[in-house]
Amino acid sequence: MANIGAEVGRTISWKEKGNEKMWKNALYRTIELINLTVADPENLTSIKEILRIKEVLGDQILGENIYKSTREDWDKYFLPFNFAARNVLQ
């Protein structure tokens, strides 16, 4: 999930900077990571949550942002995953 969060951050950052090629590439990587995460049987209990990330991000980047998501919302959501990943690696 920390890797997905990093790609979400890159997608939003490049979108804000107006670099279409880079934000699209970051979005494709995000979607690929989400699909791989959903396909992993260990994540069976989290599939709805993971797919909701895909839905809300797609709405923000490609749609009308009906969920009113912001960079800060994404940072708050993914920050605990970053801390957990760091603790596992140490």
PDB file of N, CA and C in Angstrom:
ATOM      1  N   MET A   1       0.819  -1.198   0.000  1.00  0.00           N
ATOM      2  CA  MET A   1       0.000   0.000   0.000  1.00  0.00           C
ATOM      3  C   MET A   1       0.865   1.265   0.000  1.00  0.00           C
ATOM      4  N   ALA A   2       2.016   1.194   0.640  1.00  0.00           N
ATOM      5  CA  ALA A   2       2.914   2.352   0.638  1.00  0.00           C
ATOM      6  C   ALA A   2       3.373   2.667  -0.785  1.00  0.00           C
ATOM      7  N   ASN A   3       3.615   1.631  -1.580  1.00  0.00           N
ATOM      8  CA  ASN A   3       4.020   1.848  -2.977  1.00  0.00           C
ATOM      9  C   ASN A   3       2.892   2.485  -3.786  1.00  0.00           C
ATOM     10  N   ILE A   4       1.679   2.038  -3.539  1.00  0.00           N
ATOM     11  CA  ILE A   4       0.530   2.649  -4.210  1.00  0.00           C
ATOM     12  C   ILE A   4       0.445   4.123  -3.820  1.00  0.00           C
ATOM     13  N   GLY A   5       0.614   4.396  -2.536  1.00  0.00           N
ATOM     14  CA  GLY A   5       0.565   5.777  -2.060  1.00  0.00           C
ATOM     15  C   GLY A   5       1.609   6.659  -2.715  1.00  0.00           C
ATOM     16  N   ALA A   6       2.800   6.115  -2.914  1.00  0.00           N
ATOM     17  CA  ALA A   6       3.861   6.893  -3.568  1.00  0.00           C
ATOM     18  C   ALA A   6       3.470   7.235  -5.001  1.00  0.00           C
ATOM     19  N   GLU A   7       2.887   6.279  -5.706  1.00  0.00           N
ATOM     20  CA  GLU A   7       2.471   6.536  -7.091  1.00  0.00           C
ATOM     21  C   GLU A   7       1.283   7.491  -7.151  1.00  0.00           C
ATOM     22  N   VAL A   8       0.380   7.388  -6.187  1.00  0.00           N
ATOM     23  CA  VAL A   8      -0.732   8.345  -6.122  1.00  0.00           C
ATOM     24  C   VAL A   8      -0.171   9.754  -5.963  1.00  0.00           C
ATOM     25  N   GLY A   9       0.795   9.901  -5.064  1.00  0.00           N
ATOM     26  CA  GLY A   9       1.426  11.206  -4.858  1.00  0.00           C
ATOM     27  C   GLY A   9       2.083  11.732  -6.118  1.00  0.00           C
ATOM     28  N   ARG A  10       2.774  10.853  -6.834  1.00  0.00           N
ATOM     29  CA  ARG A  10       3.415  11.263  -8.090  1.00  0.00           C
ATOM     30  C   ARG A  10       2.372  11.679  -9.132  1.00  0.00           C
ATOM     31  N   THR A  11       1.301  10.905  -9.206  1.00  0.00           N
ATOM     32  CA  THR A  11       0.241  11.218 -10.167  1.00  0.00           C
ATOM     33  C   THR A  11      -0.316  12.616  -9.915  1.00  0.00           C
ATOM     34  N   ILE A  12      -0.650  12.887  -8.672  1.00  0.00           N
ATOM     35  CA  ILE A  12      -1.232  14.187  -8.326  1.00  0.00           C
ATOM     36  C   ILE A  12      -0.221  15.305  -8.551  1.00  0.00           C
ATOM     37  N   SER A  13       1.008  15.070  -8.156  1.00  0.00           N
ATOM     38  CA  SER A  13       2.045  16.090  -8.312  1.00  0.00           C
ATOM     39  C   SER A  13       2.248  16.466  -9.781  1.00  0.00           C
ATOM     40  N   TRP A  14       2.367  15.458 -10.637  1.00  0.00           N
ATOM     41  CA  TRP A  14       2.566  15.737 -12.063  1.00  0.00           C
ATOM     42  C   TRP A  14       1.321  16.375 -12.673  1.00  0.00           C
ATOM     43  N   LYS A  15       0.148  15.963 -12.219  1.00  0.00           N
ATOM     44  CA  LYS A  15      -1.093  16.573 -12.724  1.00  0.00           C
ATOM     45  C   LYS A  15      -1.128  18.054 -12.359  1.00  0.00           C
ATOM     46  N   GLU A  16      -0.757  18.374 -11.111  1.00  0.00           N
ATOM     47  CA  GLU A  16      -0.737  19.773 -10.670  1.00  0.00           C
ATOM     48  C   GLU A  16       0.275  20.598 -11.460  1.00  0.00           C
ATOM     49  N   LYS A  17       1.367  19.962 -11.878  1.00  0.00           N
ATOM     50  CA  LYS A  17       2.395  20.663 -12.656  1.00  0.00           C
ATOM     51  C   LYS A  17       2.043  20.756 -14.137  1.00  0.00           C
ATOM     52  N   GLY A  18       0.977  20.052 -14.543  1.00  0.00           N
ATOM     53  CA  GLY A  18       0.531  20.121 -15.923  1.00  0.00           C
ATOM     54  C   GLY A  18       1.311  19.255 -16.896  1.00  0.00           C
ATOM     55  N   ASN A  19       2.062  18.280 -16.381  1.00  0.00           N
ATOM     56  CA  ASN A  19       2.849  17.404 -17.249  1.00  0.00           C
ATOM     57  C   ASN A  19       2.028  16.145 -17.544  1.00  0.00           C
ATOM     58  N   GLU A  20       1.292  16.191 -18.643  1.00  0.00           N
ATOM     59  CA  GLU A  20       0.349  15.117 -18.967  1.00  0.00           C
ATOM     60  C   GLU A  20       1.025  13.758 -19.129  1.00  0.00           C
ATOM     61  N   LYS A  21       2.141  13.730 -19.825  1.00  0.00           N
ATOM     62  CA  LYS A  21       2.829  12.453 -20.048  1.00  0.00           C
ATOM     63  C   LYS A  21       3.218  11.809 -18.716  1.00  0.00           C
ATOM     64  N   MET A  22       3.774  12.602 -17.813  1.00  0.00           N
ATOM     65  CA  MET A  22       4.240  12.057 -16.538  1.00  0.00           C
ATOM     66  C   MET A  22       3.083  11.643 -15.635  1.00  0.00           C
ATOM     67  N   TRP A  23       1.998  12.452 -15.572  1.00  0.00           N
ATOM     68  CA  TRP A  23       0.906  12.051 -14.695  1.00  0.00           C
ATOM     69  C   TRP A  23       0.184  10.826 -15.237  1.00  0.00           C
ATOM     70  N   LYS A  24       0.104  10.707 -16.542  1.00  0.00           N
ATOM     71  CA  LYS A  24      -0.520   9.504 -17.106  1.00  0.00           C
ATOM     72  C   LYS A  24       0.327   8.268 -16.814  1.00  0.00           C
ATOM     73  N   ASN A  25       1.639   8.385 -16.964  1.00  0.00           N
ATOM     74  CA  ASN A  25       2.517   7.254 -16.645  1.00  0.00           C
ATOM     75  C   ASN A  25       2.402   6.866 -15.176  1.00  0.00           C
ATOM     76  N   ALA A  26       2.371   7.858 -14.295  1.00  0.00           N
ATOM     77  CA  ALA A  26       2.232   7.574 -12.865  1.00  0.00           C
ATOM     78  C   ALA A  26       0.871   6.943 -12.572  1.00  0.00           C
ATOM     79  N   LEU A  27      -0.167   7.411 -13.243  1.00  0.00           N
ATOM     80  CA  LEU A  27      -1.501   6.837 -13.057  1.00  0.00           C
ATOM     81  C   LEU A  27      -1.533   5.384 -13.521  1.00  0.00           C
ATOM     82  N   TYR A  28      -0.903   5.092 -14.662  1.00  0.00           N
ATOM     83  CA  TYR A  28      -0.847   3.708 -15.152  1.00  0.00           C
ATOM     84  C   TYR A  28      -0.129   2.803 -14.147  1.00  0.00           C
ATOM     85  N   ARG A  29       0.969   3.301 -13.573  1.00  0.00           N
ATOM     86  CA  ARG A  29       1.696   2.513 -12.563  1.00  0.00           C
ATOM     87  C   ARG A  29       0.831   2.297 -11.326  1.00  0.00           C
ATOM     88  N   THR A  30       0.095   3.328 -10.933  1.00  0.00           N
ATOM     89  CA  THR A  30      -0.797   3.210  -9.778  1.00  0.00           C
ATOM     90  C   THR A  30      -1.845   2.137 -10.024  1.00  0.00           C
ATOM     91  N   ILE A  31      -2.465   2.187 -11.182  1.00  0.00           N
ATOM     92  CA  ILE A  31      -3.503   1.209 -11.517  1.00  0.00           C
ATOM     93  C   ILE A  31      -2.920  -0.197 -11.566  1.00  0.00           C
ATOM     94  N   GLU A  32      -1.731  -0.322 -12.128  1.00  0.00           N
ATOM     95  CA  GLU A  32      -1.087  -1.638 -12.180  1.00  0.00           C
ATOM     96  C   GLU A  32      -0.814  -2.169 -10.771  1.00  0.00           C
ATOM     97  N   LEU A  33      -0.309  -1.324  -9.894  1.00  0.00           N
ATOM     98  CA  LEU A  33      -0.057  -1.750  -8.513  1.00  0.00           C
ATOM     99  C   LEU A  33      -1.352  -2.132  -7.805  1.00  0.00           C
ATOM    100  N   ILE A  34      -2.406  -1.363  -8.028  1.00  0.00           N
ATOM    101  CA  ILE A  34      -3.698  -1.690  -7.418  1.00  0.00           C
ATOM    102  C   ILE A  34      -4.188  -3.036  -7.927  1.00  0.00           C
ATOM    103  N   ASN A  35      -4.113  -3.264  -9.230  1.00  0.00           N
ATOM    104  CA  ASN A  35      -4.572  -4.535  -9.797  1.00  0.00           C
ATOM    105  C   ASN A  35      -3.768  -5.713  -9.259  1.00  0.00           C
ATOM    106  N   LEU A  36      -2.464  -5.543  -9.127  1.00  0.00           N
ATOM    107  CA  LEU A  36      -1.631  -6.612  -8.567  1.00  0.00           C
ATOM    108  C   LEU A  36      -1.970  -6.862  -7.100  1.00  0.00           C
ATOM    109  N   THR A  37      -2.249  -5.805  -6.366  1.00  0.00           N
ATOM    110  CA  THR A  37      -2.601  -5.934  -4.956  1.00  0.00           C
ATOM    111  C   THR A  37      -3.935  -6.653  -4.801  1.00  0.00           C
ATOM    112  N   VAL A  38      -4.897  -6.325  -5.639  1.00  0.00           N
ATOM    113  CA  VAL A  38      -6.204  -6.982  -5.596  1.00  0.00           C
ATOM    114  C   VAL A  38      -6.076  -8.460  -5.959  1.00  0.00           C
ATOM    115  N   ALA A  39      -5.191  -8.788  -6.879  1.00  0.00           N
ATOM    116  CA  ALA A  39      -5.020 -10.176  -7.327  1.00  0.00           C
ATOM    117  C   ALA A  39      -4.329 -11.054  -6.286  1.00  0.00           C
ATOM    118  N   ASP A  40      -3.669 -10.453  -5.320  1.00  0.00           N
ATOM    119  CA  ASP A  40      -2.958 -11.210  -4.290  1.00  0.00           C
ATOM    120  C   ASP A  40      -3.965 -11.766  -3.281  1.00  0.00           C
ATOM    121  N   PRO A  41      -4.036 -13.093  -3.121  1.00  0.00           N
ATOM    122  CA  PRO A  41      -4.999 -13.704  -2.200  1.00  0.00           C
ATOM    123  C   PRO A  41      -4.861 -13.224  -0.751  1.00  0.00           C
ATOM    124  N   GLU A  42      -3.702 -12.746  -0.371  1.00  0.00           N
ATOM    125  CA  GLU A  42      -3.515 -12.255   0.999  1.00  0.00           C
ATOM    126  C   GLU A  42      -4.322 -10.986   1.268  1.00  0.00           C
ATOM    127  N   ASN A  43      -4.760 -10.320   0.228  1.00  0.00           N
ATOM    128  CA  ASN A  43      -5.497  -9.066   0.387  1.00  0.00           C
ATOM    129  C   ASN A  43      -7.001  -9.238   0.222  1.00  0.00           C
ATOM    130  N   LEU A  44      -7.465 -10.462   0.326  1.00  0.00           N
ATOM    131  CA  LEU A  44      -8.869 -10.775   0.083  1.00  0.00           C
ATOM    132  C   LEU A  44      -9.819  -9.935   0.930  1.00  0.00           C
ATOM    133  N   THR A  45      -9.448  -9.685   2.184  1.00  0.00           N
ATOM    134  CA  THR A  45     -10.342  -8.935   3.069  1.00  0.00           C
ATOM    135  C   THR A  45     -10.311  -7.430   2.811  1.00  0.00           C
ATOM    136  N   SER A  46      -9.380  -6.966   2.003  1.00  0.00           N
ATOM    137  CA  SER A  46      -9.231  -5.521   1.761  1.00  0.00           C
ATOM    138  C   SER A  46      -9.583  -5.103   0.340  1.00  0.00           C
ATOM    139  N   ILE A  47     -10.151  -6.006  -0.432  1.00  0.00           N
ATOM    140  CA  ILE A  47     -10.391  -5.717  -1.850  1.00  0.00           C
ATOM    141  C   ILE A  47     -11.279  -4.489  -2.045  1.00  0.00           C
ATOM    142  N   LYS A  48     -12.352  -4.376  -1.263  1.00  0.00           N
ATOM    143  CA  LYS A  48     -13.253  -3.229  -1.431  1.00  0.00           C
ATOM    144  C   LYS A  48     -12.527  -1.913  -1.182  1.00  0.00           C
ATOM    145  N   GLU A  49     -11.732  -1.883  -0.130  1.00  0.00           N
ATOM    146  CA  GLU A  49     -10.990  -0.665   0.201  1.00  0.00           C
ATOM    147  C   GLU A  49      -9.993  -0.317  -0.902  1.00  0.00           C
ATOM    148  N   ILE A  50      -9.296  -1.319  -1.396  1.00  0.00           N
ATOM    149  CA  ILE A  50      -8.288  -1.089  -2.433  1.00  0.00           C
ATOM    150  C   ILE A  50      -8.942  -0.604  -3.725  1.00  0.00           C
ATOM    151  N   LEU A  51     -10.063  -1.208  -4.089  1.00  0.00           N
ATOM    152  CA  LEU A  51     -10.756  -0.780  -5.301  1.00  0.00           C
ATOM    153  C   LEU A  51     -11.373   0.606  -5.142  1.00  0.00           C
ATOM    154  N   ARG A  52     -11.727   0.969  -3.914  1.00  0.00           N
ATOM    155  CA  ARG A  52     -12.248   2.322  -3.682  1.00  0.00           C
ATOM    156  C   ARG A  52     -11.163   3.365  -3.954  1.00  0.00           C
ATOM    157  N   ILE A  53      -9.921   3.026  -3.637  1.00  0.00           N
ATOM    158  CA  ILE A  53      -8.799   3.924  -3.946  1.00  0.00           C
ATOM    159  C   ILE A  53      -8.774   4.196  -5.450  1.00  0.00           C
ATOM    160  N   LYS A  54      -8.899   3.136  -6.226  1.00  0.00           N
ATOM    161  CA  LYS A  54      -8.884   3.255  -7.687  1.00  0.00           C
ATOM    162  C   LYS A  54     -10.037   4.146  -8.169  1.00  0.00           C
ATOM    163  N   GLU A  55     -11.201   3.937  -7.591  1.00  0.00           N
ATOM    164  CA  GLU A  55     -12.382   4.714  -7.979  1.00  0.00           C
ATOM    165  C   GLU A  55     -12.217   6.202  -7.661  1.00  0.00           C
ATOM    166  N   VAL A  56     -11.795   6.496  -6.435  1.00  0.00           N
ATOM    167  CA  VAL A  56     -11.688   7.893  -6.004  1.00  0.00           C
ATOM    168  C   VAL A  56     -10.548   8.603  -6.731  1.00  0.00           C
ATOM    169  N   LEU A  57      -9.431   7.918  -6.919  1.00  0.00           N
ATOM    170  CA  LEU A  57      -8.325   8.531  -7.654  1.00  0.00           C
ATOM    171  C   LEU A  57      -8.721   8.800  -9.104  1.00  0.00           C
ATOM    172  N   GLY A  58      -9.376   7.833  -9.726  1.00  0.00           N
ATOM    173  CA  GLY A  58      -9.841   8.029 -11.100  1.00  0.00           C
ATOM    174  C   GLY A  58     -10.784   9.214 -11.213  1.00  0.00           C
ATOM    175  N   ASP A  59     -11.657   9.357 -10.222  1.00  0.00           N
ATOM    176  CA  ASP A  59     -12.572  10.493 -10.206  1.00  0.00           C
ATOM    177  C   ASP A  59     -11.816  11.807 -10.076  1.00  0.00           C
ATOM    178  N   GLN A  60     -10.809  11.832  -9.209  1.00  0.00           N
ATOM    179  CA  GLN A  60     -10.053  13.071  -9.012  1.00  0.00           C
ATOM    180  C   GLN A  60      -9.231  13.433 -10.244  1.00  0.00           C
ATOM    181  N   ILE A  61      -8.562  12.465 -10.829  1.00  0.00           N
ATOM    182  CA  ILE A  61      -7.637  12.742 -11.929  1.00  0.00           C
ATOM    183  C   ILE A  61      -8.353  12.833 -13.278  1.00  0.00           C
ATOM    184  N   LEU A  62      -9.301  11.939 -13.521  1.00  0.00           N
ATOM    185  CA  LEU A  62      -9.935  11.863 -14.838  1.00  0.00           C
ATOM    186  C   LEU A  62     -11.370  12.376 -14.866  1.00  0.00           C
ATOM    187  N   GLY A  63     -11.982  12.477 -13.694  1.00  0.00           N
ATOM    188  CA  GLY A  63     -13.393  12.852 -13.634  1.00  0.00           C
ATOM    189  C   GLY A  63     -13.612  14.249 -13.097  1.00  0.00           C
ATOM    190  N   GLU A  64     -14.719  14.403 -12.400  1.00  0.00           N
ATOM    191  CA  GLU A  64     -15.127  15.712 -11.894  1.00  0.00           C
ATOM    192  C   GLU A  64     -14.804  15.904 -10.414  1.00  0.00           C
ATOM    193  N   ASN A  65     -14.127  14.946  -9.818  1.00  0.00           N
ATOM    194  CA  ASN A  65     -13.779  14.980  -8.392  1.00  0.00           C
ATOM    195  C   ASN A  65     -15.027  15.147  -7.527  1.00  0.00           C
ATOM    196  N   ILE A  66     -16.023  14.298  -7.770  1.00  0.00           N
ATOM    197  CA  ILE A  66     -17.261  14.370  -6.991  1.00  0.00           C
ATOM    198  C   ILE A  66     -17.034  14.015  -5.524  1.00  0.00           C
ATOM    199  N   TYR A  67     -15.956  13.280  -5.244  1.00  0.00           N
ATOM    200  CA  TYR A  67     -15.638  12.934  -3.858  1.00  0.00           C
ATOM    201  C   TYR A  67     -14.872  14.049  -3.154  1.00  0.00           C
ATOM    202  N   LYS A  68     -14.499  15.078  -3.909  1.00  0.00           N
ATOM    203  CA  LYS A  68     -13.769  16.238  -3.370  1.00  0.00           C
ATOM    204  C   LYS A  68     -12.471  15.835  -2.678  1.00  0.00           C
ATOM    205  N   SER A  69     -11.778  14.851  -3.231  1.00  0.00           N
ATOM    206  CA  SER A  69     -10.522  14.398  -2.626  1.00  0.00           C
ATOM    207  C   SER A  69      -9.407  15.393  -2.928  1.00  0.00           C
ATOM    208  N   THR A  70      -8.480  15.493  -1.996  1.00  0.00           N
ATOM    209  CA  THR A  70      -7.361  16.423  -2.116  1.00  0.00           C
ATOM    210  C   THR A  70      -6.054  15.678  -1.882  1.00  0.00           C
ATOM    211  N   ARG A  71      -4.970  16.337  -2.194  1.00  0.00           N
ATOM    212  CA  ARG A  71      -3.641  15.776  -1.917  1.00  0.00           C
ATOM    213  C   ARG A  71      -3.515  15.471  -0.423  1.00  0.00           C
ATOM    214  N   GLU A  72      -4.023  16.368   0.409  1.00  0.00           N
ATOM    215  CA  GLU A  72      -3.939  16.181   1.857  1.00  0.00           C
ATOM    216  C   GLU A  72      -4.709  14.939   2.303  1.00  0.00           C
ATOM    217  N   ASP A  73      -5.859  14.687   1.690  1.00  0.00           N
ATOM    218  CA  ASP A  73      -6.628  13.476   2.008  1.00  0.00           C
ATOM    219  C   ASP A  73      -5.809  12.223   1.715  1.00  0.00           C
ATOM    220  N   TRP A  74      -5.164  12.206   0.556  1.00  0.00           N
ATOM    221  CA  TRP A  74      -4.354  11.049   0.167  1.00  0.00           C
ATOM    222  C   TRP A  74      -3.164  10.885   1.103  1.00  0.00           C
ATOM    223  N   ASP A  75      -2.527  12.006   1.444  1.00  0.00           N
ATOM    224  CA  ASP A  75      -1.383  11.940   2.364  1.00  0.00           C
ATOM    225  C   ASP A  75      -1.808  11.361   3.709  1.00  0.00           C
ATOM    226  N   LYS A  76      -2.948  11.818   4.230  1.00  0.00           N
ATOM    227  CA  LYS A  76      -3.440  11.307   5.517  1.00  0.00           C
ATOM    228  C   LYS A  76      -3.756   9.814   5.434  1.00  0.00           C
ATOM    229  N   TYR A  77      -4.328   9.394   4.316  1.00  0.00           N
ATOM    230  CA  TYR A  77      -4.698   7.986   4.164  1.00  0.00           C
ATOM    231  C   TYR A  77      -3.467   7.085   4.084  1.00  0.00           C
ATOM    232  N   PHE A  78      -2.477   7.477   3.300  1.00  0.00           N
ATOM    233  CA  PHE A  78      -1.337   6.598   3.049  1.00  0.00           C
ATOM    234  C   PHE A  78      -0.211   6.717   4.071  1.00  0.00           C
ATOM    235  N   LEU A  79      -0.176   7.759   4.877  1.00  0.00           N
ATOM    236  CA  LEU A  79       0.911   7.949   5.835  1.00  0.00           C
ATOM    237  C   LEU A  79       1.097   6.757   6.780  1.00  0.00           C
ATOM    238  N   PRO A  80       0.035   6.200   7.367  1.00  0.00           N
ATOM    239  CA  PRO A  80       0.245   5.030   8.241  1.00  0.00           C
ATOM    240  C   PRO A  80       0.877   3.836   7.520  1.00  0.00           C
ATOM    241  N   PHE A  81       0.558   3.653   6.247  1.00  0.00           N
ATOM    242  CA  PHE A  81       1.164   2.563   5.482  1.00  0.00           C
ATOM    243  C   PHE A  81       2.658   2.801   5.292  1.00  0.00           C
ATOM    244  N   ASN A  82       3.039   4.059   5.109  1.00  0.00           N
ATOM    245  CA  ASN A  82       4.464   4.386   4.978  1.00  0.00           C
ATOM    246  C   ASN A  82       5.211   4.072   6.269  1.00  0.00           C
ATOM    247  N   PHE A  83       4.621   4.448   7.405  1.00  0.00           N
ATOM    248  CA  PHE A  83       5.256   4.148   8.692  1.00  0.00           C
ATOM    249  C   PHE A  83       5.365   2.642   8.913  1.00  0.00           C
ATOM    250  N   ALA A  84       4.307   1.915   8.572  1.00  0.00           N
ATOM    251  CA  ALA A  84       4.325   0.461   8.741  1.00  0.00           C
ATOM    252  C   ALA A  84       5.396  -0.172   7.860  1.00  0.00           C
ATOM    253  N   ALA A  85       5.527   0.299   6.639  1.00  0.00           N
ATOM    254  CA  ALA A  85       6.539  -0.248   5.727  1.00  0.00           C
ATOM    255  C   ALA A  85       7.940   0.022   6.254  1.00  0.00           C
ATOM    256  N   ARG A  86       8.159   1.203   6.803  1.00  0.00           N
ATOM    257  CA  ARG A  86       9.478   1.523   7.363  1.00  0.00           C
ATOM    258  C   ARG A  86       9.812   0.616   8.539  1.00  0.00           C
ATOM    259  N   ASN A  87       8.823   0.364   9.391  1.00  0.00           N
ATOM    260  CA  ASN A  87       9.060  -0.491  10.558  1.00  0.00           C
ATOM    261  C   ASN A  87       9.378  -1.920  10.154  1.00  0.00           C
ATOM    262  N   VAL A  88       8.760  -2.405   9.099  1.00  0.00           N
ATOM    263  CA  VAL A  88       9.023  -3.762   8.617  1.00  0.00           C
ATOM    264  C   VAL A  88      10.435  -3.858   8.057  1.00  0.00           C
ATOM    265  N   LEU A  89      10.880  -2.808   7.391  1.00  0.00           N
ATOM    266  CA  LEU A  89      12.197  -2.830   6.751  1.00  0.00           C
ATOM    267  C   LEU A  89      13.339  -2.646   7.738  1.00  0.00           C
ATOM    268  N   GLN A  90      13.054  -2.118   8.913  1.00  0.00           N
ATOM    269  CA  GLN A  90      14.131  -1.869   9.880  1.00  0.00           C
ATOM    270  C   GLN A  90      14.433  -3.084  10.709  1.00  0.00           C
TER     271      GLN A  90
END
